[in-house]
Amino acid sequence: MAADPAGRYVATGDYVGTLAIYDVAAQAWKRTCRPTAHGISALAWYDAYGTFVASSYDGRVYEIAP
């Protein structure tokens, strides 16, 4: 899991490659996608672009915007 600095968005990832972003202010899931069939190994907020980045067990890094 990871959150943006303001705490508005929380991102989650799982072992089958699904990423989801929850909007705390709206109390709703904002976005769900599956960029890889491999698991997500880590998530972080990337302030320079205002997105989350997720590393995967396939060796790639994926960007997901709220």
PDB file of N, CA and C in Angstrom:
ATOM      1  N   MET A   1       0.838  -1.177   0.000  1.00  0.00           N
ATOM      2  CA  MET A   1       0.000   0.000   0.000  1.00  0.00           C
ATOM      3  C   MET A   1       0.879   1.236   0.000  1.00  0.00           C
ATOM      4  N   ALA A   2       0.307   2.300  -0.547  1.00  0.00           N
ATOM      5  CA  ALA A   2       0.987   3.593  -0.548  1.00  0.00           C
ATOM      6  C   ALA A   2      -0.086   4.676  -0.571  1.00  0.00           C
ATOM      7  N   ALA A   3       0.285   5.865  -0.117  1.00  0.00           N
ATOM      8  CA  ALA A   3      -0.644   6.993  -0.128  1.00  0.00           C
ATOM      9  C   ALA A   3       0.073   8.221  -0.660  1.00  0.00           C
ATOM     10  N   ASP A   4      -0.700   9.146  -1.227  1.00  0.00           N
ATOM     11  CA  ASP A   4      -0.110  10.412  -1.637  1.00  0.00           C
ATOM     12  C   ASP A   4       0.157  11.252  -0.379  1.00  0.00           C
ATOM     13  N   PRO A   5       0.996  12.292  -0.455  1.00  0.00           N
ATOM     14  CA  PRO A   5       1.353  13.062   0.728  1.00  0.00           C
ATOM     15  C   PRO A   5       0.162  13.710   1.446  1.00  0.00           C
ATOM     16  N   ALA A   6      -0.872  14.059   0.719  1.00  0.00           N
ATOM     17  CA  ALA A   6      -2.046  14.691   1.334  1.00  0.00           C
ATOM     18  C   ALA A   6      -2.978  13.668   1.979  1.00  0.00           C
ATOM     19  N   GLY A   7      -2.797  12.402   1.644  1.00  0.00           N
ATOM     20  CA  GLY A   7      -3.652  11.357   2.188  1.00  0.00           C
ATOM     21  C   GLY A   7      -4.993  11.222   1.505  1.00  0.00           C
ATOM     22  N   ARG A   8      -5.132  11.817   0.339  1.00  0.00           N
ATOM     23  CA  ARG A   8      -6.400  11.708  -0.381  1.00  0.00           C
ATOM     24  C   ARG A   8      -6.528  10.369  -1.095  1.00  0.00           C
ATOM     25  N   TYR A   9      -5.427   9.885  -1.673  1.00  0.00           N
ATOM     26  CA  TYR A   9      -5.464   8.650  -2.445  1.00  0.00           C
ATOM     27  C   TYR A   9      -4.633   7.567  -1.770  1.00  0.00           C
ATOM     28  N   VAL A  10      -5.158   6.360  -1.791  1.00  0.00           N
ATOM     29  CA  VAL A  10      -4.438   5.198  -1.275  1.00  0.00           C
ATOM     30  C   VAL A  10      -4.409   4.157  -2.389  1.00  0.00           C
ATOM     31  N   ALA A  11      -3.241   3.619  -2.654  1.00  0.00           N
ATOM     32  CA  ALA A  11      -3.096   2.611  -3.711  1.00  0.00           C
ATOM     33  C   ALA A  11      -2.777   1.257  -3.092  1.00  0.00           C
ATOM     34  N   THR A  12      -3.312   0.221  -3.702  1.00  0.00           N
ATOM     35  CA  THR A  12      -3.026  -1.148  -3.282  1.00  0.00           C
ATOM     36  C   THR A  12      -2.614  -1.968  -4.500  1.00  0.00           C
ATOM     37  N   GLY A  13      -1.857  -3.000  -4.254  1.00  0.00           N
ATOM     38  CA  GLY A  13      -1.459  -3.925  -5.304  1.00  0.00           C
ATOM     39  C   GLY A  13      -1.528  -5.342  -4.774  1.00  0.00           C
ATOM     40  N   ASP A  14      -1.639  -6.317  -5.676  1.00  0.00           N
ATOM     41  CA  ASP A  14      -1.758  -7.700  -5.211  1.00  0.00           C
ATOM     42  C   ASP A  14      -0.830  -8.637  -5.973  1.00  0.00           C
ATOM     43  N   TYR A  15      -0.910  -9.906  -5.613  1.00  0.00           N
ATOM     44  CA  TYR A  15      -0.010 -10.911  -6.178  1.00  0.00           C
ATOM     45  C   TYR A  15      -0.372 -11.361  -7.584  1.00  0.00           C
ATOM     46  N   VAL A  16      -1.486 -10.918  -8.116  1.00  0.00           N
ATOM     47  CA  VAL A  16      -1.836 -11.266  -9.496  1.00  0.00           C
ATOM     48  C   VAL A  16      -1.708 -10.069 -10.439  1.00  0.00           C
ATOM     49  N   GLY A  17      -1.159  -8.945  -9.948  1.00  0.00           N
ATOM     50  CA  GLY A  17      -0.867  -7.803 -10.810  1.00  0.00           C
ATOM     51  C   GLY A  17      -1.921  -6.723 -10.854  1.00  0.00           C
ATOM     52  N   THR A  18      -2.902  -6.769  -9.978  1.00  0.00           N
ATOM     53  CA  THR A  18      -3.956  -5.756  -9.964  1.00  0.00           C
ATOM     54  C   THR A  18      -3.539  -4.570  -9.099  1.00  0.00           C
ATOM     55  N   LEU A  19      -3.796  -3.370  -9.609  1.00  0.00           N
ATOM     56  CA  LEU A  19      -3.588  -2.130  -8.867  1.00  0.00           C
ATOM     57  C   LEU A  19      -4.930  -1.434  -8.715  1.00  0.00           C
ATOM     58  N   ALA A  20      -5.169  -0.843  -7.557  1.00  0.00           N
ATOM     59  CA  ALA A  20      -6.407  -0.116  -7.327  1.00  0.00           C
ATOM     60  C   ALA A  20      -6.112   1.142  -6.520  1.00  0.00           C
ATOM     61  N   ILE A  21      -6.847   2.209  -6.820  1.00  0.00           N
ATOM     62  CA  ILE A  21      -6.685   3.476  -6.102  1.00  0.00           C
ATOM     63  C   ILE A  21      -8.013   3.850  -5.460  1.00  0.00           C
ATOM     64  N   TYR A  22      -7.937   4.132  -4.168  1.00  0.00           N
ATOM     65  CA  TYR A  22      -9.112   4.536  -3.401  1.00  0.00           C
ATOM     66  C   TYR A  22      -9.033   6.032  -3.140  1.00  0.00           C
ATOM     67  N   ASP A  23     -10.122   6.744  -3.421  1.00  0.00           N
ATOM     68  CA  ASP A  23     -10.221   8.180  -3.165  1.00  0.00           C
ATOM     69  C   ASP A  23     -10.873   8.356  -1.792  1.00  0.00           C
ATOM     70  N   VAL A  24     -10.085   8.750  -0.812  1.00  0.00           N
ATOM     71  CA  VAL A  24     -10.581   8.874   0.562  1.00  0.00           C
ATOM     72  C   VAL A  24     -11.648   9.956   0.661  1.00  0.00           C
ATOM     73  N   ALA A  25     -11.461  11.085  -0.023  1.00  0.00           N
ATOM     74  CA  ALA A  25     -12.422  12.185   0.049  1.00  0.00           C
ATOM     75  C   ALA A  25     -13.784  11.785  -0.518  1.00  0.00           C
ATOM     76  N   ALA A  26     -13.772  11.053  -1.624  1.00  0.00           N
ATOM     77  CA  ALA A  26     -15.022  10.618  -2.265  1.00  0.00           C
ATOM     78  C   ALA A  26     -15.546   9.313  -1.676  1.00  0.00           C
ATOM     79  N   GLN A  27     -14.723   8.653  -0.873  1.00  0.00           N
ATOM     80  CA  GLN A  27     -15.056   7.355  -0.289  1.00  0.00           C
ATOM     81  C   GLN A  27     -15.485   6.352  -1.372  1.00  0.00           C
ATOM     82  N   ALA A  28     -14.633   6.259  -2.401  1.00  0.00           N
ATOM     83  CA  ALA A  28     -14.939   5.371  -3.530  1.00  0.00           C
ATOM     84  C   ALA A  28     -13.643   4.920  -4.193  1.00  0.00           C
ATOM     85  N   TRP A  29     -13.713   3.730  -4.799  1.00  0.00           N
ATOM     86  CA  TRP A  29     -12.593   3.262  -5.616  1.00  0.00           C
ATOM     87  C   TRP A  29     -12.587   4.077  -6.891  1.00  0.00           C
ATOM     88  N   LYS A  30     -11.462   4.715  -7.174  1.00  0.00           N
ATOM     89  CA  LYS A  30     -11.369   5.600  -8.330  1.00  0.00           C
ATOM     90  C   LYS A  30     -10.896   4.865  -9.575  1.00  0.00           C
ATOM     91  N   ARG A  31      -9.972   3.953  -9.383  1.00  0.00           N
ATOM     92  CA  ARG A  31      -9.402   3.288 -10.560  1.00  0.00           C
ATOM     93  C   ARG A  31      -8.902   1.901 -10.182  1.00  0.00           C
ATOM     94  N   THR A  32      -9.123   0.944 -11.077  1.00  0.00           N
ATOM     95  CA  THR A  32      -8.593  -0.401 -10.929  1.00  0.00           C
ATOM     96  C   THR A  32      -8.067  -0.846 -12.284  1.00  0.00           C
ATOM     97  N   CYS A  33      -6.885  -1.431 -12.290  1.00  0.00           N
ATOM     98  CA  CYS A  33      -6.315  -1.932 -13.544  1.00  0.00           C
ATOM     99  C   CYS A  33      -5.396  -3.110 -13.229  1.00  0.00           C
ATOM    100  N   ARG A  34      -5.046  -3.836 -14.252  1.00  0.00           N
ATOM    101  CA  ARG A  34      -4.119  -4.960 -14.111  1.00  0.00           C
ATOM    102  C   ARG A  34      -3.055  -4.847 -15.196  1.00  0.00           C
ATOM    103  N   PRO A  35      -1.996  -4.083 -14.925  1.00  0.00           N
ATOM    104  CA  PRO A  35      -0.978  -3.856 -15.948  1.00  0.00           C
ATOM    105  C   PRO A  35      -0.054  -5.048 -16.194  1.00  0.00           C
ATOM    106  N   THR A  36      -0.088  -6.033 -15.314  1.00  0.00           N
ATOM    107  CA  THR A  36       0.790  -7.187 -15.455  1.00  0.00           C
ATOM    108  C   THR A  36       0.111  -8.432 -14.879  1.00  0.00           C
ATOM    109  N   ALA A  37       0.516  -9.576 -15.367  1.00  0.00           N
ATOM    110  CA  ALA A  37      -0.003 -10.828 -14.826  1.00  0.00           C
ATOM    111  C   ALA A  37       0.875 -11.306 -13.669  1.00  0.00           C
ATOM    112  N   HIS A  38       1.959 -10.582 -13.420  1.00  0.00           N
ATOM    113  CA  HIS A  38       2.863 -10.897 -12.311  1.00  0.00           C
ATOM    114  C   HIS A  38       2.472 -10.044 -11.109  1.00  0.00           C
ATOM    115  N   GLY A  39       2.881 -10.437  -9.947  1.00  0.00           N
ATOM    116  CA  GLY A  39       2.513  -9.722  -8.732  1.00  0.00           C
ATOM    117  C   GLY A  39       3.160  -8.355  -8.613  1.00  0.00           C
ATOM    118  N   ILE A  40       2.533  -7.516  -7.814  1.00  0.00           N
ATOM    119  CA  ILE A  40       3.077  -6.204  -7.492  1.00  0.00           C
ATOM    120  C   ILE A  40       3.945  -6.370  -6.247  1.00  0.00           C
ATOM    121  N   SER A  41       5.202  -5.952  -6.338  1.00  0.00           N
ATOM    122  CA  SER A  41       6.123  -6.145  -5.224  1.00  0.00           C
ATOM    123  C   SER A  41       6.248  -4.919  -4.333  1.00  0.00           C
ATOM    124  N   ALA A  42       6.000  -3.724  -4.874  1.00  0.00           N
ATOM    125  CA  ALA A  42       6.104  -2.504  -4.068  1.00  0.00           C
ATOM    126  C   ALA A  42       5.321  -1.380  -4.735  1.00  0.00           C
ATOM    127  N   LEU A  43       4.856  -0.446  -3.909  1.00  0.00           N
ATOM    128  CA  LEU A  43       4.136   0.739  -4.388  1.00  0.00           C
ATOM    129  C   LEU A  43       4.704   1.979  -3.711  1.00  0.00           C
ATOM    130  N   ALA A  44       4.721   3.082  -4.436  1.00  0.00           N
ATOM    131  CA  ALA A  44       5.180   4.349  -3.858  1.00  0.00           C
ATOM    132  C   ALA A  44       4.522   5.496  -4.605  1.00  0.00           C
ATOM    133  N   TRP A  45       4.406   6.636  -3.949  1.00  0.00           N
ATOM    134  CA  TRP A  45       3.923   7.856  -4.582  1.00  0.00           C
ATOM    135  C   TRP A  45       5.113   8.542  -5.230  1.00  0.00           C
ATOM    136  N   TYR A  46       4.963   8.969  -6.479  1.00  0.00           N
ATOM    137  CA  TYR A  46       6.019   9.665  -7.209  1.00  0.00           C
ATOM    138  C   TYR A  46       5.599  11.116  -7.358  1.00  0.00           C
ATOM    139  N   ASP A  47       6.098  11.947  -6.472  1.00  0.00           N
ATOM    140  CA  ASP A  47       5.659  13.333  -6.377  1.00  0.00           C
ATOM    141  C   ASP A  47       5.930  14.154  -7.636  1.00  0.00           C
ATOM    142  N   ALA A  48       7.031  13.881  -8.317  1.00  0.00           N
ATOM    143  CA  ALA A  48       7.398  14.653  -9.510  1.00  0.00           C
ATOM    144  C   ALA A  48       6.315  14.589 -10.594  1.00  0.00           C
ATOM    145  N   TYR A  49       5.622  13.450 -10.689  1.00  0.00           N
ATOM    146  CA  TYR A  49       4.582  13.283 -11.707  1.00  0.00           C
ATOM    147  C   TYR A  49       3.178  13.242 -11.130  1.00  0.00           C
ATOM    148  N   GLY A  50       3.059  13.188  -9.812  1.00  0.00           N
ATOM    149  CA  GLY A  50       1.736  13.116  -9.192  1.00  0.00           C
ATOM    150  C   GLY A  50       1.037  11.799  -9.474  1.00  0.00           C
ATOM    151  N   THR A  51       1.817  10.721  -9.493  1.00  0.00           N
ATOM    152  CA  THR A  51       1.278   9.385  -9.768  1.00  0.00           C
ATOM    153  C   THR A  51       1.853   8.382  -8.768  1.00  0.00           C
ATOM    154  N   PHE A  52       1.273   7.206  -8.772  1.00  0.00           N
ATOM    155  CA  PHE A  52       1.857   6.090  -8.047  1.00  0.00           C
ATOM    156  C   PHE A  52       2.728   5.310  -9.006  1.00  0.00           C
ATOM    157  N   VAL A  53       3.773   4.706  -8.490  1.00  0.00           N
ATOM    158  CA  VAL A  53       4.590   3.776  -9.271  1.00  0.00           C
ATOM    159  C   VAL A  53       4.569   2.434  -8.555  1.00  0.00           C
ATOM    160  N   ALA A  54       4.522   1.382  -9.331  1.00  0.00           N
ATOM    161  CA  ALA A  54       4.455   0.034  -8.789  1.00  0.00           C
ATOM    162  C   ALA A  54       5.512  -0.826  -9.457  1.00  0.00           C
ATOM    163  N   SER A  55       6.306  -1.502  -8.661  1.00  0.00           N
ATOM    164  CA  SER A  55       7.250  -2.459  -9.233  1.00  0.00           C
ATOM    165  C   SER A  55       6.585  -3.831  -9.230  1.00  0.00           C
ATOM    166  N   SER A  56       6.991  -4.634 -10.191  1.00  0.00           N
ATOM    167  CA  SER A  56       6.372  -5.939 -10.368  1.00  0.00           C
ATOM    168  C   SER A  56       7.426  -7.027 -10.362  1.00  0.00           C
ATOM    169  N   TYR A  57       6.983  -8.240 -10.106  1.00  0.00           N
ATOM    170  CA  TYR A  57       7.892  -9.385 -10.138  1.00  0.00           C
ATOM    171  C   TYR A  57       8.373  -9.702 -11.551  1.00  0.00           C
ATOM    172  N   ASP A  58       7.806  -9.038 -12.550  1.00  0.00           N
ATOM    173  CA  ASP A  58       8.309  -9.221 -13.915  1.00  0.00           C
ATOM    174  C   ASP A  58       9.502  -8.308 -14.201  1.00  0.00           C
ATOM    175  N   GLY A  59       9.921  -7.499 -13.200  1.00  0.00           N
ATOM    176  CA  GLY A  59      11.088  -6.632 -13.354  1.00  0.00           C
ATOM    177  C   GLY A  59      10.785  -5.264 -13.911  1.00  0.00           C
ATOM    178  N   ARG A  60       9.536  -4.955 -14.152  1.00  0.00           N
ATOM    179  CA  ARG A  60       9.153  -3.662 -14.718  1.00  0.00           C
ATOM    180  C   ARG A  60       8.548  -2.763 -13.657  1.00  0.00           C
ATOM    181  N   VAL A  61       8.472  -1.475 -13.978  1.00  0.00           N
ATOM    182  CA  VAL A  61       7.837  -0.484 -13.119  1.00  0.00           C
ATOM    183  C   VAL A  61       6.654   0.096 -13.889  1.00  0.00           C
ATOM    184  N   TYR A  62       5.521   0.188 -13.222  1.00  0.00           N
ATOM    185  CA  TYR A  62       4.292   0.681 -13.852  1.00  0.00           C
ATOM    186  C   TYR A  62       3.843   1.954 -13.138  1.00  0.00           C
ATOM    187  N   GLU A  63       3.325   2.885 -13.907  1.00  0.00           N
ATOM    188  CA  GLU A  63       2.836   4.149 -13.373  1.00  0.00           C
ATOM    189  C   GLU A  63       1.311   4.135 -13.435  1.00  0.00           C
ATOM    190  N   ILE A  64       0.675   4.577 -12.354  1.00  0.00           N
ATOM    191  CA  ILE A  64      -0.789   4.641 -12.324  1.00  0.00           C
ATOM    192  C   ILE A  64      -1.198   5.967 -11.696  1.00  0.00           C
ATOM    193  N   ALA A  65      -1.946   6.736 -12.452  1.00  0.00           N
ATOM    194  CA  ALA A  65      -2.391   8.056 -11.987  1.00  0.00           C
ATOM    195  C   ALA A  65      -3.756   7.944 -11.313  1.00  0.00           C
ATOM    196  N   PRO A  66      -3.945   8.746 -10.262  1.00  0.00           N
ATOM    197  CA  PRO A  66      -5.269   8.742  -9.618  1.00  0.00           C
ATOM    198  C   PRO A  66      -6.260   9.442 -10.467  1.00  0.00           C
TER     199      PRO A  66
END
